């Protein structure tokens, strides 16, 4: 199971992120999907063995555009 955390957190939400990651690990999440490099850094800090998939919006847009033009 993959869980997205690809929003840009506000400063007051960052302290809550550690608990979010720990609960994801406890729930058996296989990988986290993230876009923000700061969030990716925190995932590595709080759950070093967690698989991280980096979501890149520009690549996604290009992929969607290329499929529509085929």
C-alpha atoms as a PDB file:
ATOM      1  CA  UNK A   1       0.000   0.000   0.000  1.00  0.00           C
ATOM      2  CA  UNK A   2       1.325   3.446  -0.945  1.00  0.00           C
ATOM      3  CA  UNK A   3       0.447   6.591   0.955  1.00  0.00           C
ATOM      4  CA  UNK A   4       0.791  10.073  -0.491  1.00  0.00           C
ATOM      5  CA  UNK A   5       2.165  12.950   1.498  1.00  0.00           C
ATOM      6  CA  UNK A   6       2.804  15.215  -1.430  1.00  0.00           C
ATOM      7  CA  UNK A   7       1.331  18.398  -0.056  1.00  0.00           C
ATOM      8  CA  UNK A   8       3.494  21.303   0.987  1.00  0.00           C
ATOM      9  CA  UNK A   9       3.216  21.504   4.754  1.00  0.00           C
ATOM     10  CA  UNK A  10       2.736  24.717   6.638  1.00  0.00           C
ATOM     11  CA  UNK A  11       5.243  25.519   9.366  1.00  0.00           C
ATOM     12  CA  UNK A  12       2.809  24.552  12.131  1.00  0.00           C
ATOM     13  CA  UNK A  13       2.243  21.131  10.510  1.00  0.00           C
ATOM     14  CA  UNK A  14       5.891  20.057  10.347  1.00  0.00           C
ATOM     15  CA  UNK A  15       6.079  18.964  14.021  1.00  0.00           C
ATOM     16  CA  UNK A  16       3.105  16.642  13.358  1.00  0.00           C
ATOM     17  CA  UNK A  17       4.800  14.923  10.435  1.00  0.00           C
ATOM     18  CA  UNK A  18       6.928  12.604  12.570  1.00  0.00           C
ATOM     19  CA  UNK A  19       3.801  11.028  14.053  1.00  0.00           C
ATOM     20  CA  UNK A  20       2.273  10.751  10.567  1.00  0.00           C
ATOM     21  CA  UNK A  21       5.312   8.797   9.337  1.00  0.00           C
ATOM     22  CA  UNK A  22       5.422   6.572  12.425  1.00  0.00           C
ATOM     23  CA  UNK A  23       1.728   5.742  12.063  1.00  0.00           C
ATOM     24  CA  UNK A  24       2.285   4.919   8.392  1.00  0.00           C
ATOM     25  CA  UNK A  25       5.064   2.501   9.370  1.00  0.00           C
ATOM     26  CA  UNK A  26       2.892   0.918  12.076  1.00  0.00           C
ATOM     27  CA  UNK A  27       0.019   0.543   9.603  1.00  0.00           C
ATOM     28  CA  UNK A  28       2.269  -1.407   7.230  1.00  0.00           C
ATOM     29  CA  UNK A  29       2.504   1.174   4.446  1.00  0.00           C
ATOM     30  CA  UNK A  30       4.917  -0.099   1.791  1.00  0.00           C
ATOM     31  CA  UNK A  31       5.979   3.294   0.426  1.00  0.00           C
ATOM     32  CA  UNK A  32       5.351   6.988   0.802  1.00  0.00           C
ATOM     33  CA  UNK A  33       4.843   9.261  -2.196  1.00  0.00           C
ATOM     34  CA  UNK A  34       6.237  12.763  -1.739  1.00  0.00           C
ATOM     35  CA  UNK A  35       7.082  15.790  -3.866  1.00  0.00           C
ATOM     36  CA  UNK A  36       8.692  18.180  -1.398  1.00  0.00           C
ATOM     37  CA  UNK A  37      12.417  17.661  -0.770  1.00  0.00           C
ATOM     38  CA  UNK A  38      12.034  18.754   2.855  1.00  0.00           C
ATOM     39  CA  UNK A  39       9.341  16.140   3.424  1.00  0.00           C
ATOM     40  CA  UNK A  40      11.497  13.493   1.743  1.00  0.00           C
ATOM     41  CA  UNK A  41      14.334  14.432   4.099  1.00  0.00           C
ATOM     42  CA  UNK A  42      12.047  14.047   7.115  1.00  0.00           C
ATOM     43  CA  UNK A  43      10.784  10.663   5.902  1.00  0.00           C
ATOM     44  CA  UNK A  44      14.405   9.474   5.665  1.00  0.00           C
ATOM     45  CA  UNK A  45      15.033  10.784   9.174  1.00  0.00           C
ATOM     46  CA  UNK A  46      11.949   9.274  10.819  1.00  0.00           C
ATOM     47  CA  UNK A  47      11.743   6.021   8.836  1.00  0.00           C
ATOM     48  CA  UNK A  48      15.093   5.295   7.170  1.00  0.00           C
ATOM     49  CA  UNK A  49      13.905   1.966   5.734  1.00  0.00           C
ATOM     50  CA  UNK A  50      10.726   3.383   4.171  1.00  0.00           C
ATOM     51  CA  UNK A  51      10.552   3.295   0.391  1.00  0.00           C
ATOM     52  CA  UNK A  52       9.986   6.768  -1.043  1.00  0.00           C
ATOM     53  CA  UNK A  53       8.564   7.504  -4.470  1.00  0.00           C
ATOM     54  CA  UNK A  54       9.243  11.052  -5.580  1.00  0.00           C
ATOM     55  CA  UNK A  55       6.297  12.635  -7.338  1.00  0.00           C
ATOM     56  CA  UNK A  56       7.348  15.183  -9.925  1.00  0.00           C
ATOM     57  CA  UNK A  57       4.499  17.228 -11.387  1.00  0.00           C
ATOM     58  CA  UNK A  58       6.349  18.288 -14.538  1.00  0.00           C
ATOM     59  CA  UNK A  59       7.021  14.678 -15.516  1.00  0.00           C
ATOM     60  CA  UNK A  60       3.402  13.804 -14.805  1.00  0.00           C
ATOM     61  CA  UNK A  61       2.167  16.641 -17.029  1.00  0.00           C
ATOM     62  CA  UNK A  62       4.504  15.575 -19.839  1.00  0.00           C
ATOM     63  CA  UNK A  63       3.341  11.964 -19.511  1.00  0.00           C
ATOM     64  CA  UNK A  64      -0.323  12.972 -19.646  1.00  0.00           C
ATOM     65  CA  UNK A  65       0.302  15.271 -22.610  1.00  0.00           C
ATOM     66  CA  UNK A  66       2.236  12.631 -24.543  1.00  0.00           C
ATOM     67  CA  UNK A  67      -0.552  10.058 -24.025  1.00  0.00           C
ATOM     68  CA  UNK A  68      -3.176  12.495 -25.307  1.00  0.00           C
ATOM     69  CA  UNK A  69      -1.187  13.211 -28.452  1.00  0.00           C
ATOM     70  CA  UNK A  70      -0.729   9.558 -29.436  1.00  0.00           C
END
